[in-house]
N, C-alpha and C. Protein backbone atom coordinates (compact mmCIF):
# COMPACT_ATOMS: atom_id res chain seq x y z
N UNK A 1 -2.80 80.83 -61.59
CA UNK A 1 -4.14 80.82 -62.36
C UNK A 1 -4.56 78.85 -62.24
N UNK A 2 -5.76 78.88 -61.69
CA UNK A 2 -6.45 77.49 -61.93
C UNK A 2 -6.82 77.08 -63.49
N UNK A 3 -6.17 75.87 -63.78
CA UNK A 3 -6.73 75.49 -65.24
C UNK A 3 -8.26 74.91 -64.67
N UNK A 4 -8.84 75.08 -66.27
CA UNK A 4 -10.27 74.80 -66.11
C UNK A 4 -10.61 73.35 -65.82
N UNK A 5 -9.25 72.35 -65.91
CA UNK A 5 -9.51 71.00 -65.28
C UNK A 5 -9.56 71.07 -64.13
N UNK A 6 -8.89 71.77 -63.40
CA UNK A 6 -8.80 71.49 -61.91
C UNK A 6 -10.08 72.68 -61.39
N UNK A 7 -10.55 73.68 -62.15
CA UNK A 7 -11.68 74.32 -61.82
C UNK A 7 -12.69 73.84 -61.53
N UNK A 8 -13.19 72.71 -62.80
CA UNK A 8 -14.10 72.00 -62.91
C UNK A 8 -14.20 70.68 -61.56
N UNK A 9 -13.14 69.78 -61.71
CA UNK A 9 -13.07 69.16 -60.32
C UNK A 9 -13.28 69.97 -59.14
N UNK A 10 -12.67 71.21 -58.68
CA UNK A 10 -13.31 71.68 -57.38
C UNK A 10 -14.75 72.15 -57.55
N UNK A 11 -15.35 72.46 -58.75
CA UNK A 11 -16.23 72.77 -58.40
C UNK A 11 -17.40 71.81 -57.92
N UNK A 12 -16.92 70.56 -58.72
CA UNK A 12 -17.55 69.40 -58.27
C UNK A 12 -17.67 69.03 -56.80
N UNK A 13 -16.16 69.13 -55.85
CA UNK A 13 -16.07 68.79 -54.85
C UNK A 13 -16.76 70.07 -53.95
N UNK A 14 -17.00 70.90 -54.42
CA UNK A 14 -17.85 71.75 -53.76
C UNK A 14 -19.75 71.87 -53.55
N UNK A 15 -19.62 71.02 -54.77
CA UNK A 15 -20.95 70.52 -54.88
C UNK A 15 -20.93 69.11 -53.55
N UNK A 16 -20.07 68.57 -53.51
CA UNK A 16 -20.24 67.26 -52.66
C UNK A 16 -20.15 67.46 -51.13
N UNK A 17 -19.13 68.85 -51.18
CA UNK A 17 -19.59 69.41 -49.60
C UNK A 17 -20.64 70.23 -49.39
N UNK A 18 -21.38 70.62 -49.93
CA UNK A 18 -22.77 71.33 -50.12
C UNK A 18 -23.85 70.18 -49.63
N UNK A 19 -23.57 68.73 -50.71
CA UNK A 19 -24.40 67.72 -50.49
C UNK A 19 -24.06 66.91 -48.87
N UNK A 20 -22.73 66.88 -48.83
CA UNK A 20 -22.49 66.85 -47.25
C UNK A 20 -23.35 67.44 -46.05
N UNK A 21 -23.43 68.75 -46.38
CA UNK A 21 -24.01 69.38 -45.07
C UNK A 21 -25.22 69.27 -45.09
N UNK A 22 -26.16 69.01 -46.49
CA UNK A 22 -27.46 69.02 -46.22
C UNK A 22 -27.79 67.43 -45.38
N UNK A 23 -26.81 66.68 -46.09
CA UNK A 23 -26.88 65.12 -45.42
C UNK A 23 -26.85 65.14 -43.51
N UNK A 24 -26.19 65.83 -43.35
CA UNK A 24 -25.70 66.28 -42.00
C UNK A 24 -27.12 66.70 -41.25
N UNK A 25 -27.72 67.73 -42.14
CA UNK A 25 -28.54 68.38 -41.66
C UNK A 25 -29.86 67.44 -41.58
N UNK A 26 -30.21 66.64 -42.85
CA UNK A 26 -31.26 65.84 -42.54
C UNK A 26 -31.48 64.63 -41.63
N UNK A 27 -30.01 64.46 -41.28
CA UNK A 27 -30.10 63.71 -39.99
C UNK A 27 -29.89 63.96 -38.85
N UNK A 28 -29.81 65.68 -38.66
CA UNK A 28 -30.16 66.14 -37.34
C UNK A 28 -31.86 66.23 -37.33
N UNK A 29 -32.21 66.81 -38.15
CA UNK A 29 -33.66 66.70 -38.38
C UNK A 29 -34.37 65.36 -37.99
N UNK A 30 -33.59 64.22 -38.49
CA UNK A 30 -34.45 63.14 -38.07
C UNK A 30 -34.25 62.47 -36.41
N UNK A 31 -32.94 62.83 -36.23
CA UNK A 31 -32.64 62.87 -34.74
C UNK A 31 -33.41 63.61 -33.90
N UNK A 32 -33.69 64.83 -34.01
CA UNK A 32 -34.07 65.92 -33.36
C UNK A 32 -35.53 65.17 -33.11
N UNK A 33 -36.42 64.84 -34.00
CA UNK A 33 -37.90 64.37 -34.21
C UNK A 33 -37.92 63.31 -33.77
N UNK A 34 -36.70 62.66 -32.89
CA UNK A 34 -36.98 60.84 -32.67
C UNK A 34 -36.69 61.22 -30.76
N UNK A 35 -36.34 62.65 -30.60
CA UNK A 35 -35.55 62.71 -28.99
C UNK A 35 -34.32 62.64 -29.04
N UNK A 36 -33.63 62.56 -30.20
CA UNK A 36 -32.18 62.34 -29.90
C UNK A 36 -31.39 63.89 -29.82
N UNK A 37 -31.63 64.38 -28.70
CA UNK A 37 -31.07 65.92 -28.95
C UNK A 37 -29.51 66.01 -28.95
N UNK A 38 -28.83 65.31 -28.58
CA UNK A 38 -27.67 65.04 -28.33
C UNK A 38 -27.03 64.47 -29.68
N UNK A 39 -27.33 63.50 -30.22
CA UNK A 39 -26.98 63.00 -31.91
C UNK A 39 -27.35 64.38 -32.65
N UNK A 40 -29.07 65.31 -32.66
CA UNK A 40 -29.26 66.26 -33.55
C UNK A 40 -28.63 66.93 -33.47
N UNK A 41 -27.61 67.84 -32.27
CA UNK A 41 -26.81 68.92 -31.88
C UNK A 41 -25.44 68.56 -32.40
N UNK A 42 -25.34 67.47 -32.62
CA UNK A 42 -23.97 66.89 -33.07
C UNK A 42 -23.81 67.25 -34.49
N UNK A 43 -25.04 66.64 -35.25
CA UNK A 43 -25.15 66.30 -36.74
C UNK A 43 -25.51 67.75 -36.90
N UNK A 44 -26.17 68.99 -36.30
CA UNK A 44 -26.16 70.26 -36.76
C UNK A 44 -24.96 71.07 -36.82
N UNK A 45 -23.99 70.80 -35.63
CA UNK A 45 -22.57 70.62 -35.51
C UNK A 45 -21.94 70.48 -37.21
N UNK A 46 -22.01 69.46 -37.35
CA UNK A 46 -21.17 68.32 -38.56
C UNK A 46 -21.74 69.36 -39.97
N UNK A 47 -23.07 69.70 -39.95
CA UNK A 47 -23.12 70.13 -40.70
C UNK A 47 -22.76 71.91 -41.39
N UNK A 48 -22.75 72.20 -39.95
CA UNK A 48 -22.03 73.95 -40.52
C UNK A 48 -20.48 73.40 -41.02
N UNK A 49 -19.96 72.53 -40.26
CA UNK A 49 -18.46 71.84 -40.50
C UNK A 49 -18.26 71.99 -42.27
N UNK A 50 -19.29 70.87 -42.90
CA UNK A 50 -19.42 70.56 -44.31
C UNK A 50 -19.29 71.95 -45.10
N UNK A 51 -20.28 72.85 -44.48
CA UNK A 51 -20.67 74.09 -45.10
C UNK A 51 -19.31 74.80 -45.21
N UNK A 52 -18.54 74.93 -44.18
CA UNK A 52 -17.61 75.40 -43.74
C UNK A 52 -16.66 75.19 -45.13
N UNK A 53 -16.25 73.99 -45.20
CA UNK A 53 -15.49 73.06 -45.92
C UNK A 53 -15.84 73.58 -47.44
N UNK A 54 -17.36 73.37 -48.07
CA UNK A 54 -17.31 74.28 -48.84
C UNK A 54 -17.01 75.29 -49.24
N UNK A 55 -17.14 76.41 -48.36
CA UNK A 55 -16.67 77.99 -48.75
C UNK A 55 -15.65 78.08 -48.76
N UNK A 56 -14.66 77.22 -48.06
CA UNK A 56 -12.91 77.64 -47.68
C UNK A 56 -12.55 76.90 -49.65
N UNK A 57 -13.54 75.70 -49.91
CA UNK A 57 -13.38 75.46 -51.76
C UNK A 57 -13.78 76.55 -52.56
N UNK A 58 -14.67 77.33 -52.22
CA UNK A 58 -15.25 78.10 -53.06
C UNK A 58 -13.99 79.32 -53.11
N UNK A 59 -13.80 79.95 -51.76
CA UNK A 59 -12.81 81.00 -51.83
C UNK A 59 -11.75 80.59 -52.71
N UNK A 60 -11.05 79.57 -52.25
CA UNK A 60 -9.89 79.12 -52.97
C UNK A 60 -10.12 79.39 -54.30
N UNK A 61 -10.87 78.46 -55.04
CA UNK A 61 -11.19 78.41 -56.79
C UNK A 61 -11.28 79.97 -57.15
N UNK A 62 -11.88 81.21 -56.33
CA UNK A 62 -12.24 82.36 -56.91
C UNK A 62 -10.77 83.00 -56.85
N UNK A 63 -9.95 82.89 -55.87
CA UNK A 63 -8.60 83.45 -55.38
C UNK A 63 -7.57 83.31 -56.38
N UNK A 64 -7.83 82.10 -57.06
CA UNK A 64 -6.93 81.53 -58.10
C UNK A 64 -7.40 81.88 -59.72
N UNK A 65 -8.48 82.68 -59.45
CA UNK A 65 -8.62 82.81 -61.16
C UNK A 65 -9.50 82.31 -61.75
N UNK A 66 -10.45 80.94 -60.87
CA UNK A 66 -11.44 80.54 -61.09
C UNK A 66 -13.08 81.12 -61.16
N UNK A 67 -13.77 80.19 -61.22
CA UNK A 67 -15.55 80.65 -60.98
C UNK A 67 -16.23 79.82 -59.91
N UNK A 68 -16.07 79.73 -58.86
CA UNK A 68 -16.75 78.99 -58.33
C UNK A 68 -18.41 78.92 -58.31
N UNK A 69 -18.84 77.71 -58.48
CA UNK A 69 -20.06 77.41 -59.04
C UNK A 69 -20.79 76.70 -57.91
N UNK A 70 -22.44 77.16 -57.37
CA UNK A 70 -23.01 76.71 -56.68
C UNK A 70 -24.29 76.22 -57.44
N UNK A 71 -23.97 74.97 -57.44
CA UNK A 71 -24.94 73.82 -58.04
C UNK A 71 -25.96 73.38 -57.35
N UNK A 72 -27.33 72.69 -58.63
CA UNK A 72 -28.57 71.96 -57.53
C UNK A 72 -27.74 70.90 -56.99
N UNK A 73 -28.36 70.44 -56.01
CA UNK A 73 -28.10 69.62 -54.84
C UNK A 73 -29.04 68.34 -55.36
N UNK A 74 -28.32 66.89 -54.95
CA UNK A 74 -29.20 65.89 -54.80
C UNK A 74 -30.01 65.88 -53.42
N UNK A 75 -31.03 65.56 -53.04
CA UNK A 75 -31.61 65.54 -52.08
C UNK A 75 -31.65 64.53 -50.94
N UNK A 76 -31.18 64.79 -50.00
CA UNK A 76 -30.77 63.61 -49.11
C UNK A 76 -31.75 62.74 -48.47
N UNK A 77 -31.44 61.62 -47.87
CA UNK A 77 -32.46 60.79 -47.47
C UNK A 77 -32.74 61.26 -45.96
N UNK A 78 -34.18 61.22 -46.03
CA UNK A 78 -34.79 61.88 -44.93
C UNK A 78 -35.22 61.08 -43.81
N UNK A 79 -35.13 59.58 -44.10
CA UNK A 79 -35.90 58.75 -43.19
C UNK A 79 -34.67 57.80 -42.99
N UNK A 80 -34.55 57.13 -41.70
CA UNK A 80 -33.70 55.46 -41.41
C UNK A 80 -34.67 55.05 -40.57
N UNK A 81 -34.22 53.45 -40.17
CA UNK A 81 -34.64 52.42 -39.74
C UNK A 81 -34.15 52.75 -38.41
N UNK A 82 -33.47 53.05 -37.86
CA UNK A 82 -32.09 53.68 -36.72
C UNK A 82 -31.23 54.46 -36.60
N UNK A 83 -31.04 54.71 -35.58
CA UNK A 83 -30.09 55.74 -35.42
C UNK A 83 -28.61 54.96 -35.58
N UNK A 84 -28.46 53.68 -35.77
CA UNK A 84 -27.35 52.76 -36.43
C UNK A 84 -27.63 52.65 -37.80
N UNK A 85 -28.34 52.79 -38.41
CA UNK A 85 -28.38 52.63 -40.10
C UNK A 85 -27.96 53.97 -40.18
N UNK A 86 -28.61 55.03 -39.55
CA UNK A 86 -28.09 56.71 -40.08
C UNK A 86 -26.56 56.77 -39.66
N UNK A 87 -25.74 56.18 -38.67
CA UNK A 87 -24.65 56.26 -38.57
C UNK A 87 -24.01 55.70 -39.73
N UNK A 88 -24.16 54.37 -40.28
CA UNK A 88 -23.66 53.28 -41.48
C UNK A 88 -23.75 54.07 -42.26
N UNK A 89 -24.68 55.08 -43.09
CA UNK A 89 -24.87 56.06 -44.05
C UNK A 89 -23.84 56.44 -43.82
N UNK A 90 -23.92 57.37 -43.00
CA UNK A 90 -22.97 58.40 -42.62
C UNK A 90 -21.56 58.22 -42.59
N UNK A 91 -21.30 57.18 -41.99
CA UNK A 91 -19.75 56.46 -42.62
C UNK A 91 -19.39 55.92 -44.02
N UNK A 92 -20.66 55.34 -44.70
CA UNK A 92 -20.40 55.41 -46.19
C UNK A 92 -19.93 56.50 -46.68
N UNK A 93 -20.78 57.60 -46.62
CA UNK A 93 -20.56 59.04 -47.12
C UNK A 93 -19.57 59.57 -47.06
N UNK A 94 -18.62 59.12 -45.62
CA UNK A 94 -17.56 60.01 -45.21
C UNK A 94 -16.25 59.35 -46.47
N UNK A 95 -16.69 57.95 -46.60
CA UNK A 95 -15.59 57.12 -47.50
C UNK A 95 -15.67 57.81 -48.89
N UNK A 96 -17.00 57.86 -49.43
CA UNK A 96 -16.92 58.37 -50.60
C UNK A 96 -16.39 59.78 -51.14
N UNK A 97 -16.54 60.83 -49.65
CA UNK A 97 -15.89 62.08 -49.78
C UNK A 97 -14.17 62.11 -49.76
N UNK A 98 -13.93 61.25 -49.18
CA UNK A 98 -12.55 60.41 -48.85
C UNK A 98 -12.37 60.22 -50.36
N UNK A 99 -12.78 59.50 -51.28
CA UNK A 99 -12.31 59.00 -52.67
C UNK A 99 -12.43 59.76 -53.42
N UNK A 100 -13.39 61.18 -52.90
CA UNK A 100 -13.56 62.58 -53.95
C UNK A 100 -12.55 63.04 -53.75
N UNK A 101 -12.03 63.67 -52.20
CA UNK A 101 -10.71 64.11 -52.14
C UNK A 101 -9.63 63.54 -52.77
N UNK A 102 -9.24 62.30 -52.93
CA UNK A 102 -8.23 61.78 -53.44
C UNK A 102 -8.31 61.72 -54.83
N UNK A 103 -9.10 61.84 -55.22
CA UNK A 103 -9.48 61.71 -56.98
C UNK A 103 -8.80 63.62 -57.44
N UNK A 104 -9.55 64.32 -56.36
CA UNK A 104 -9.05 65.48 -56.67
C UNK A 104 -7.20 65.92 -56.43
N UNK A 105 -6.61 64.99 -55.57
CA UNK A 105 -5.21 65.01 -55.64
C UNK A 105 -4.48 64.71 -56.19
N UNK A 106 -5.05 63.54 -57.27
CA UNK A 106 -4.56 62.93 -58.38
C UNK A 106 -4.59 63.73 -59.38
N UNK A 107 -5.68 64.38 -59.46
CA UNK A 107 -5.94 65.61 -60.73
C UNK A 107 -5.02 66.79 -60.66
N UNK A 108 -4.66 66.74 -59.15
CA UNK A 108 -3.71 68.09 -59.30
C UNK A 108 -2.22 67.60 -59.31
N UNK A 109 -2.04 66.20 -58.85
CA UNK A 109 -0.56 65.89 -59.27
C UNK A 109 -0.42 65.78 -61.01
N UNK A 110 -1.22 65.42 -61.36
CA UNK A 110 -1.59 65.01 -62.87
C UNK A 110 -1.53 66.01 -64.10
N UNK A 111 -1.81 67.62 -63.04
CA UNK A 111 -1.45 68.67 -63.83
C UNK A 111 -0.37 69.61 -63.45
N UNK A 112 0.34 68.69 -62.53
CA UNK A 112 1.57 69.42 -61.97
C UNK A 112 1.25 70.77 -61.07
N UNK A 113 -0.37 71.30 -60.69
CA UNK A 113 -0.87 72.36 -59.76
C UNK A 113 -0.35 71.89 -58.32
N UNK A 114 0.38 72.45 -57.90
CA UNK A 114 1.25 72.12 -56.64
C UNK A 114 0.70 73.04 -55.33
N UNK A 115 0.56 74.23 -56.16
CA UNK A 115 -0.58 75.07 -55.03
C UNK A 115 -1.77 74.48 -54.43
N UNK A 116 -2.78 73.76 -55.71
CA UNK A 116 -4.21 73.00 -55.54
C UNK A 116 -3.51 71.69 -54.48
N UNK A 117 -2.54 70.98 -54.79
CA UNK A 117 -2.22 70.12 -54.21
C UNK A 117 -2.02 70.25 -52.58
N UNK A 118 -1.19 71.35 -52.56
CA UNK A 118 -0.91 71.90 -51.29
C UNK A 118 -2.21 72.59 -50.78
N UNK A 119 -2.99 72.85 -50.95
CA UNK A 119 -4.64 73.09 -50.40
C UNK A 119 -5.14 71.95 -50.17
N UNK A 120 -4.93 71.11 -51.04
CA UNK A 120 -5.78 69.95 -50.83
C UNK A 120 -5.59 68.81 -49.63
N UNK A 121 -4.41 68.98 -49.03
CA UNK A 121 -3.93 68.20 -47.95
C UNK A 121 -4.75 68.61 -46.48
N UNK A 122 -4.95 69.83 -46.65
CA UNK A 122 -5.91 70.07 -45.41
C UNK A 122 -7.34 69.08 -45.24
N UNK A 123 -7.73 69.01 -46.61
CA UNK A 123 -9.26 68.02 -46.89
C UNK A 123 -8.58 66.78 -46.80
N UNK A 124 -7.49 66.23 -46.93
CA UNK A 124 -6.66 65.05 -46.85
C UNK A 124 -7.12 64.67 -45.49
N UNK A 125 -6.19 65.19 -44.76
CA UNK A 125 -6.27 65.50 -42.73
C UNK A 125 -7.36 65.35 -42.69
N UNK A 126 -8.64 66.28 -42.81
CA UNK A 126 -9.91 65.89 -42.60
C UNK A 126 -10.64 64.82 -42.61
N UNK A 127 -10.58 64.17 -43.76
CA UNK A 127 -11.37 63.02 -44.23
C UNK A 127 -10.72 61.74 -43.15
N UNK A 128 -9.20 61.89 -43.17
CA UNK A 128 -8.66 60.87 -42.06
C UNK A 128 -9.83 61.08 -40.64
N UNK A 129 -9.54 62.12 -40.38
CA UNK A 129 -10.76 62.58 -38.87
C UNK A 129 -11.84 62.08 -39.08
N UNK A 130 -12.74 62.44 -40.19
CA UNK A 130 -14.13 62.09 -40.69
C UNK A 130 -14.21 60.46 -40.51
N UNK A 131 -13.88 59.94 -41.05
CA UNK A 131 -13.50 58.59 -41.06
C UNK A 131 -13.81 57.66 -39.59
N UNK A 132 -12.44 58.37 -39.06
CA UNK A 132 -12.00 57.43 -38.04
C UNK A 132 -13.26 58.31 -37.03
N UNK A 133 -13.72 59.20 -36.78
CA UNK A 133 -14.91 59.29 -36.07
C UNK A 133 -16.21 58.71 -36.59
N UNK A 134 -16.65 58.40 -37.56
CA UNK A 134 -17.70 57.57 -38.02
C UNK A 134 -17.44 56.32 -37.42
N UNK A 135 -16.44 55.95 -37.73
CA UNK A 135 -15.67 54.47 -37.23
C UNK A 135 -16.19 54.66 -35.38
N UNK A 136 -15.58 55.50 -34.81
CA UNK A 136 -15.35 55.28 -33.50
C UNK A 136 -17.12 55.22 -33.12
N UNK A 137 -17.97 56.38 -33.82
CA UNK A 137 -19.38 55.89 -33.24
C UNK A 137 -19.72 55.17 -33.65
N UNK A 138 -19.69 54.33 -34.68
CA UNK A 138 -20.20 53.18 -35.00
C UNK A 138 -19.75 51.61 -34.22
N UNK A 139 -18.39 51.97 -33.95
CA UNK A 139 -17.99 51.09 -32.60
C UNK A 139 -18.83 51.04 -31.40
N UNK A 140 -18.88 52.43 -30.78
CA UNK A 140 -19.72 52.37 -29.72
C UNK A 140 -21.39 51.88 -29.75
N UNK A 141 -22.00 52.19 -31.11
CA UNK A 141 -23.11 51.77 -31.14
C UNK A 141 -23.30 50.61 -31.08
N UNK A 142 -22.33 49.61 -31.98
CA UNK A 142 -22.33 48.35 -31.63
C UNK A 142 -22.04 47.70 -30.38
N UNK A 143 -21.48 48.78 -29.36
CA UNK A 143 -21.43 47.96 -27.72
C UNK A 143 -22.93 48.40 -27.12
N UNK A 144 -23.32 49.01 -27.85
CA UNK A 144 -24.85 49.65 -26.83
C UNK A 144 -25.54 48.59 -27.32
N UNK A 145 -25.41 48.31 -28.80
CA UNK A 145 -26.88 47.41 -29.14
C UNK A 145 -27.91 47.98 -29.16
N UNK A 146 -29.09 46.84 -28.21
CA UNK A 146 -30.35 47.45 -28.12
C UNK A 146 -30.71 48.15 -26.55
N UNK A 147 -29.69 48.21 -26.05
CA UNK A 147 -29.70 48.79 -24.48
C UNK A 147 -30.24 50.49 -24.50
N UNK A 148 -31.61 50.57 -24.32
CA UNK A 148 -32.00 52.05 -24.31
C UNK A 148 -31.25 53.23 -23.20
N UNK A 149 -30.63 52.41 -22.25
CA UNK A 149 -29.93 53.18 -21.42
C UNK A 149 -28.48 53.59 -22.09
N UNK A 150 -28.04 52.70 -22.57
CA UNK A 150 -26.68 52.84 -23.47
C UNK A 150 -27.18 53.87 -24.43
N UNK A 151 -28.25 54.05 -25.20
CA UNK A 151 -28.70 54.59 -25.95
C UNK A 151 -28.86 56.52 -25.46
N UNK A 152 -29.46 56.05 -24.18
CA UNK A 152 -29.82 57.76 -23.46
C UNK A 152 -28.13 58.20 -22.90
N UNK A 153 -27.13 57.26 -23.17
CA UNK A 153 -26.10 58.03 -22.11
C UNK A 153 -25.23 58.45 -23.63
N UNK A 154 -25.08 57.64 -24.97
CA UNK A 154 -24.68 58.00 -25.92
C UNK A 154 -25.47 59.36 -26.76
N UNK A 155 -26.58 59.28 -26.56
CA UNK A 155 -27.00 60.66 -27.20
C UNK A 155 -26.42 61.88 -26.48
N UNK A 156 -26.39 61.75 -24.82
CA UNK A 156 -26.03 62.63 -23.75
C UNK A 156 -24.25 63.14 -24.30
N UNK A 157 -23.10 61.82 -24.68
CA UNK A 157 -22.32 62.06 -24.54
C UNK A 157 -21.81 62.22 -25.96
N UNK A 158 -22.41 62.26 -27.09
CA UNK A 158 -21.70 62.23 -28.22
C UNK A 158 -21.58 64.18 -28.90
N UNK A 159 -21.99 64.39 -28.14
CA UNK A 159 -21.72 66.35 -28.44
C UNK A 159 -20.41 66.61 -27.77
N UNK A 160 -20.13 65.94 -27.24
CA UNK A 160 -18.43 65.64 -26.74
C UNK A 160 -17.56 65.00 -27.24
N UNK A 161 -18.23 64.48 -27.95
CA UNK A 161 -17.18 63.55 -29.09
C UNK A 161 -15.88 64.29 -29.57
N UNK A 162 -14.70 63.95 -29.50
CA UNK A 162 -13.64 64.80 -30.27
C UNK A 162 -12.79 63.40 -30.48
N UNK A 163 -12.62 63.38 -32.06
CA UNK A 163 -11.64 61.88 -32.32
C UNK A 163 -10.26 62.98 -32.96
N UNK A 164 -8.89 62.97 -32.63
CA UNK A 164 -7.58 62.76 -33.25
C UNK A 164 -7.12 61.85 -34.04
N UNK A 165 -6.90 62.03 -35.03
CA UNK A 165 -5.89 61.26 -35.80
C UNK A 165 -4.74 61.32 -35.63
N UNK A 166 -3.92 60.06 -36.07
CA UNK A 166 -2.14 60.37 -36.11
C UNK A 166 -2.30 61.57 -37.00
N UNK A 167 -3.21 61.51 -38.19
CA UNK A 167 -2.85 62.27 -39.23
C UNK A 167 -2.98 64.03 -38.85
N UNK A 168 -3.66 64.54 -37.54
CA UNK A 168 -3.96 65.64 -37.33
C UNK A 168 -3.16 65.65 -35.95
N UNK A 169 -2.56 65.01 -35.28
CA UNK A 169 -1.73 64.91 -34.14
C UNK A 169 -0.41 65.33 -34.04
N UNK A 170 0.31 64.87 -34.95
CA UNK A 170 1.50 65.04 -35.58
C UNK A 170 2.39 63.94 -34.02
N UNK A 171 1.36 63.08 -33.10
CA UNK A 171 2.06 62.55 -32.27
C UNK A 171 1.91 61.04 -32.53
N UNK A 172 1.93 60.25 -31.71
CA UNK A 172 1.67 58.59 -31.59
C UNK A 172 1.21 58.37 -30.79
């Protein structure tokens, strides 16, 4: 049985994951109308992944005897000055999500809820990957600079971007 405090904290994370999905969706729409088909497809995929993260939390709360809540969401930003600014905002958001997950882990340890703690370890590892991905993309964007040819190649190649972090692979 999940405590009320843990249930409330998990419901807050459900909101965070739902907003993350919306943020990626808004970015996909922006990129698509700017002709960045590869970036748009990448963002659509990421949006679905964040929705899956939310659903995983919902199922966990309900399976542990709590009641998952679907709440109102804050509207995401829908315009950006550049694709670089968009990815900078994305990175900032992923750092925010990591901090939120870390707070959840902290609460689960305070309450000695080891089942929730164990469940959240997947999210900890996932956030390491998400931050690494965002940093890698920003590094590539900084290499491109204002080169239109580089942007074309970046847009084409981003759909194949895969990031393996040390936390996910188990190898050095």
